[in-house]
Structure formats: structure tokens, C-alpha cells
Amino acid sequence: MDNGTAGGTRGAEADGAGKPSCDSAEIDPAGPYADGPWRNYFLILLDRIPTPIAVCRADGTVLIANPAMAAQWGAAPGRLRGRNLLDLFEPRAKAQLDRLTEALRMGRRSRYPVEVRWRDGSDGSTREGELTIDPVGDPSVHPPALLALLRVGEPAPAPAPRAPASPVEARILALAAGGATTASIGTALGLTVDGVNYHLTRLARRWRVQGRTALVARAYVLGVLSADSWPPAPA
């Protein structure tokens, strides 16, 4: 799968092995189910499968995509027809794509995983997953059509929210709320006066307040200090 045919000649020409190119005739996305009533059954089933699926030419051009696949871009299935998989997905490892292209050129048929990333159409976030590419159709047709199944990876968990204050900062605030001076806070915690002031200044900048009274009030609002303890204590 690349931006040209995967090892085949264009148009109605034959490839080096004398096999007809898949570009010489329109490929029915129903593949082996193209004849008779089975074609409609195949297309109905494709629409109902929750797994994102697309049937493509060997060069990656989408022939048909089911709603689950189109939903990755917030589009209707018909909007993906004629698009190229390489315009929709970004392979994470070029070697995986090269392996698939070489297999198609040599006429080998197996399942080939390609790790990909893409931008989600609903919220613009970057998603990751794996495309399983499976050459399908009449073995006499070269190169074959491709069945692409997408396994969507689980989104990365959101980072844990940063605590509003470190344990040392919470203890400094608790002592300050009880009326302790900067020097006595330092003595109680084994810090210098400059060390206590350093922590208080960082908190004031982070919380955008001025003065020790405002810092203590903010600490109670944020739940850093316990509201029902005296003397004041970290929550």
C-alpha cells in the first residue's frame, strides 16, 4: 500500500507475471460476495459491524467504509470513498508499511498489522491504534483488494490533577494559620527563614494572592487545611 499501485502497472496492462492488474476493472467492495443476493447481505452486515472496516484498492484508495470507520473522522461513510488510507492514517513505523508493500508486490497473502495514529474528528484529539490489512478477493487478481480493520487503542488516561500544595507547604500554612511567626515555622519544620519565605512566595504566585492572611483563606477554600481542626492542620 503506497501512493501508487503496490507493484502493479497502471490501466489495463498486465504485471510482470502476466496477471491482470486490479486497476483494469472496477473492484466490487463485496469481493467474493459480489454476485447474487450475497452482495446486499455483505453490505448490510458491514454497516452493522461495530469494528471500523474499509475495503480498499491495493494503493490504499477506499472503495467502501462502514459507519464505524467513518465515525473516526466524524464523516458519513460515503465521504471516505476515493480517499487514501495514507491520507487518513499516519503509520507509526515505515518498516511495517514497507513489509506490506513488498508482500503485495510478491503476491503473498497474509494479515499485516500497521500501527497508526490519526486525528479524531469529534474532538480533534490524536488517537492511536492498529490497522490489520488483509488481502482479499479472487487470487487470480493481482494486486488484490485490501480489507482494513481498525483496532482503536484506549486513550491515554488524563494526568492526575496536581495537588494544590505539597506536604511541606501544607504544614507551613497550618502553622501560619495558627499564628506562628516565620521564624517559629522554620524552627518547627527545620527550615531557615528564607526557606519558609520561599515556599510562601511560591504559593502566593501559584494561587495569585497576596499576604499571609489571603494564603491561609485560600488554603481553606482549596481544602489544603482541615476546616474542622484546631489547632489548624493539613487536610
Protein backbone atom coordinates (compact mmCIF):
# COMPACT_ATOMS: atom_id res chain seq x y z
CA MET A 1 0.00 0.00 0.00
CA ASP A 2 1.56 3.24 -1.12
CA ASN A 3 0.68 6.35 -3.07
CA GLY A 4 0.86 4.41 -6.34
CA THR A 5 -0.11 0.85 -7.14
CA ALA A 6 1.54 -1.74 -4.99
CA GLY A 7 3.87 -3.24 -7.55
CA GLY A 8 1.41 -3.36 -10.43
CA THR A 9 1.23 -1.50 -13.74
CA ARG A 10 -1.47 1.04 -14.37
CA GLY A 11 -4.56 0.84 -16.56
CA ALA A 12 -5.33 -2.32 -18.50
CA GLU A 13 -1.71 -3.50 -18.65
CA ALA A 14 -0.61 -6.79 -17.10
CA ASP A 15 2.02 -7.12 -14.42
CA GLY A 16 5.30 -8.95 -14.84
CA ALA A 17 3.67 -12.28 -14.01
CA GLY A 18 1.06 -11.89 -16.71
CA LYS A 19 -1.74 -11.42 -14.17
CA PRO A 20 -4.32 -8.71 -14.73
CA SER A 21 -3.91 -5.57 -12.66
CA CYS A 22 -6.69 -4.71 -10.22
CA ASP A 23 -6.84 -1.31 -11.97
CA SER A 24 -8.01 -2.95 -15.20
CA ALA A 25 -11.56 -3.29 -13.88
CA GLU A 26 -13.68 -1.83 -11.15
CA ILE A 27 -13.32 -3.81 -7.93
CA ASP A 28 -16.57 -4.61 -6.18
CA PRO A 29 -16.06 -3.95 -2.48
CA ALA A 30 -18.17 -7.01 -1.71
CA GLY A 31 -15.32 -9.13 -3.07
CA PRO A 32 -16.26 -12.84 -3.14
CA TYR A 33 -19.83 -11.87 -2.17
CA ALA A 34 -20.29 -9.66 -5.22
CA ASP A 35 -22.64 -11.99 -7.08
CA GLY A 36 -26.29 -12.56 -6.34
CA PRO A 37 -28.12 -11.67 -3.14
CA TRP A 38 -25.00 -12.20 -1.03
CA ARG A 39 -23.74 -8.76 -2.07
CA ASN A 40 -26.57 -6.96 -0.28
CA TYR A 41 -26.20 -9.21 2.76
CA PHE A 42 -22.49 -8.39 2.89
CA LEU A 43 -23.10 -4.65 2.70
CA ILE A 44 -25.83 -4.76 5.35
CA LEU A 45 -23.58 -6.76 7.65
CA LEU A 46 -20.70 -4.34 7.04
CA ASP A 47 -22.89 -1.42 8.12
CA ARG A 48 -23.85 -3.15 11.36
CA ILE A 49 -20.41 -4.33 12.46
CA PRO A 50 -19.11 -2.07 15.27
CA THR A 51 -15.48 -2.62 14.24
CA PRO A 52 -14.17 0.13 11.90
CA ILE A 53 -13.71 -1.52 8.48
CA ALA A 54 -12.79 -0.33 4.99
CA VAL A 55 -12.28 -2.15 1.69
CA CYS A 56 -9.56 -0.56 -0.43
CA ARG A 57 -7.60 -0.93 -3.61
CA ALA A 58 -4.01 -2.09 -3.28
CA ASP A 59 -2.82 1.50 -3.42
CA GLY A 60 -4.96 2.37 -0.39
CA THR A 61 -7.87 4.06 -2.18
CA VAL A 62 -11.05 3.46 -0.18
CA LEU A 63 -13.81 1.67 -2.07
CA ILE A 64 -16.21 1.43 0.85
CA ALA A 65 -16.11 2.17 4.57
CA ASN A 66 -18.61 1.26 7.24
CA PRO A 67 -20.11 3.83 9.64
CA ALA A 68 -17.77 2.79 12.46
CA MET A 69 -14.74 3.65 10.30
CA ALA A 70 -16.22 6.93 9.05
CA ALA A 71 -17.06 7.93 12.63
CA GLN A 72 -13.34 8.23 13.38
CA TRP A 73 -13.40 11.42 11.27
CA GLY A 74 -16.94 12.49 12.10
CA ALA A 75 -17.99 11.81 8.50
CA ALA A 76 -20.61 9.82 6.60
CA PRO A 77 -19.28 6.56 5.11
CA GLY A 78 -19.67 7.81 1.55
CA ARG A 79 -17.32 10.73 2.26
CA LEU A 80 -14.38 8.34 2.64
CA ARG A 81 -14.82 6.72 -0.76
CA GLY A 82 -11.96 7.74 -3.03
CA ARG A 83 -9.78 8.89 -0.11
CA ASN A 84 -6.48 7.14 0.52
CA LEU A 85 -5.81 5.37 3.79
CA LEU A 86 -2.43 7.11 3.94
CA ASP A 87 -4.24 10.46 3.91
CA LEU A 88 -6.39 9.32 6.83
CA PHE A 89 -3.88 7.38 8.92
CA GLU A 90 -0.25 8.08 9.71
CA PRO A 91 1.81 4.87 10.03
CA ARG A 92 3.96 4.91 13.15
CA ALA A 93 6.63 2.63 11.67
CA LYS A 94 7.55 2.89 7.97
CA ALA A 95 9.01 -0.63 8.10
CA GLN A 96 5.54 -2.11 8.67
CA LEU A 97 4.22 -0.33 5.58
CA ASP A 98 7.24 -1.41 3.52
CA ARG A 99 6.63 -5.02 4.57
CA LEU A 100 3.04 -4.85 3.37
CA THR A 101 4.00 -3.21 0.06
CA GLU A 102 6.64 -5.87 -0.61
CA ALA A 103 4.20 -8.67 0.24
CA LEU A 104 1.66 -7.32 -2.23
CA ARG A 105 4.32 -6.96 -4.91
CA MET A 106 5.36 -10.59 -4.40
CA GLY A 107 1.76 -11.82 -4.39
CA ARG A 108 1.87 -13.06 -0.80
CA ARG A 109 -1.36 -13.07 1.16
CA SER A 110 -1.45 -12.83 4.91
CA ARG A 111 -2.56 -10.39 7.58
CA TYR A 112 -0.29 -7.42 8.14
CA PRO A 113 -0.54 -5.16 11.21
CA VAL A 114 0.28 -1.48 10.78
CA GLU A 115 0.38 0.76 13.85
CA VAL A 116 -1.21 4.11 13.04
CA ARG A 117 -2.25 7.42 14.53
CA TRP A 118 -4.90 9.86 13.35
CA ARG A 119 -6.81 12.94 14.47
CA ASP A 120 -10.23 12.19 15.90
CA GLY A 121 -12.98 14.00 14.01
CA SER A 122 -15.14 14.57 17.08
CA ASP A 123 -12.75 16.36 19.42
CA GLY A 124 -9.52 16.82 17.43
CA SER A 125 -7.50 14.63 19.78
CA THR A 126 -4.75 12.37 18.46
CA ARG A 127 -5.78 8.71 18.54
CA GLU A 128 -3.65 5.62 18.13
CA GLY A 129 -4.47 2.09 17.08
CA GLU A 130 -3.62 -0.71 14.71
CA LEU A 131 -4.82 -1.39 11.18
CA THR A 132 -4.93 -5.06 10.21
CA ILE A 133 -4.55 -5.24 6.44
CA ASP A 134 -5.81 -8.44 4.84
CA PRO A 135 -5.52 -9.01 1.04
CA VAL A 136 -8.85 -10.42 -0.16
CA GLY A 137 -10.68 -11.36 -3.34
CA ASP A 138 -10.00 -13.59 -6.30
CA PRO A 139 -6.44 -15.00 -6.03
CA SER A 140 -6.02 -14.56 -9.79
CA VAL A 141 -6.35 -10.77 -9.48
CA HIS A 142 -3.07 -9.04 -8.77
CA PRO A 143 -2.64 -6.93 -6.78
CA PRO A 144 -5.63 -7.82 -4.60
CA ALA A 145 -8.11 -5.61 -2.83
CA LEU A 146 -7.43 -4.94 0.84
CA LEU A 147 -9.67 -5.38 3.84
CA ALA A 148 -8.61 -2.93 6.57
CA LEU A 149 -9.83 -3.44 10.14
CA LEU A 150 -9.04 -0.80 12.74
CA ARG A 151 -8.42 -1.60 16.38
CA VAL A 152 -8.72 1.67 18.26
CA GLY A 153 -6.37 1.99 21.21
CA GLU A 154 -7.61 3.17 24.55
CA PRO A 155 -6.98 6.89 25.08
CA ALA A 156 -4.20 7.69 27.49
CA PRO A 157 -5.52 8.37 30.98
CA ALA A 158 -5.69 12.01 31.91
CA PRO A 159 -2.84 13.09 34.15
CA ALA A 160 -3.70 13.20 37.82
CA PRO A 161 -4.57 16.72 38.93
CA ARG A 162 -1.71 18.44 40.68
CA ALA A 163 -2.18 18.82 44.40
CA PRO A 164 -2.79 22.47 45.34
CA ALA A 165 0.05 22.31 47.89
CA SER A 166 2.90 19.97 48.77
CA PRO A 167 3.03 18.33 52.23
CA VAL A 168 5.68 20.84 53.37
CA GLU A 169 3.63 23.77 52.09
CA ALA A 170 0.51 22.44 53.84
CA ARG A 171 2.39 22.21 57.15
CA ILE A 172 3.72 25.76 56.72
CA LEU A 173 0.19 27.02 56.07
CA ALA A 174 -1.19 25.16 59.06
CA LEU A 175 1.35 26.78 61.37
CA ALA A 176 0.78 30.19 59.77
CA ALA A 177 -2.99 29.80 60.27
CA GLY A 178 -2.34 29.21 63.96
CA GLY A 179 -0.44 32.50 64.24
CA ALA A 180 3.15 31.18 64.16
CA THR A 181 5.86 33.56 63.01
CA THR A 182 8.12 32.85 60.10
CA ALA A 183 11.00 32.07 62.44
CA SER A 184 8.95 29.68 64.59
CA ILE A 185 7.63 27.92 61.48
CA GLY A 186 11.20 27.43 60.32
CA THR A 187 12.23 26.05 63.72
CA ALA A 188 9.29 23.64 63.83
CA LEU A 189 9.98 22.31 60.32
CA GLY A 190 13.76 22.51 60.22
CA LEU A 191 13.79 25.29 57.65
CA THR A 192 15.54 28.63 57.51
CA VAL A 193 13.54 31.85 57.47
CA ASP A 194 14.46 32.21 53.81
CA GLY A 195 13.24 28.68 53.16
CA VAL A 196 9.83 29.42 54.73
CA ASN A 197 9.51 32.65 52.75
CA TYR A 198 10.47 30.79 49.55
CA HIS A 199 7.55 28.37 49.98
CA LEU A 200 5.11 31.12 50.89
CA THR A 201 6.16 33.19 47.85
CA ARG A 202 5.72 30.22 45.50
CA LEU A 203 2.25 29.57 46.92
CA ALA A 204 1.26 33.23 46.56
CA ARG A 205 2.32 33.19 42.89
CA ARG A 206 0.62 29.89 42.19
CA TRP A 207 -2.64 30.92 43.85
CA ARG A 208 -2.40 34.55 42.73
CA VAL A 209 -2.97 36.05 46.16
CA GLN A 210 -1.03 38.50 48.30
CA GLY A 211 -0.29 38.32 52.01
CA ARG A 212 -0.33 35.55 54.57
CA THR A 213 -3.99 36.07 55.51
CA ALA A 214 -5.08 35.57 51.91
CA LEU A 215 -2.89 32.46 51.62
CA VAL A 216 -4.49 30.91 54.69
CA ALA A 217 -8.00 31.74 53.47
CA ARG A 218 -7.20 30.23 50.07
CA ALA A 219 -5.81 27.11 51.72
CA TYR A 220 -9.14 26.51 53.46
CA VAL A 221 -11.10 27.08 50.24
CA LEU A 222 -8.90 24.60 48.34
CA GLY A 223 -9.16 22.01 51.09
CA VAL A 224 -5.45 22.14 51.90
CA LEU A 225 -6.28 22.81 55.54
CA SER A 226 -8.89 20.93 57.52
CA ALA A 227 -11.94 23.10 58.17
CA ASP A 228 -12.83 21.41 61.47
CA SER A 229 -9.44 21.19 63.20
CA TRP A 230 -7.86 23.37 65.86
CA PRO A 231 -5.03 23.99 66.02
CA PRO A 232 -5.02 24.19 62.23
CA ALA A 233 -3.85 21.03 60.46
CA PRO A 234 -3.38 19.86 56.89
CA ALA A 235 -6.48 18.15 55.48
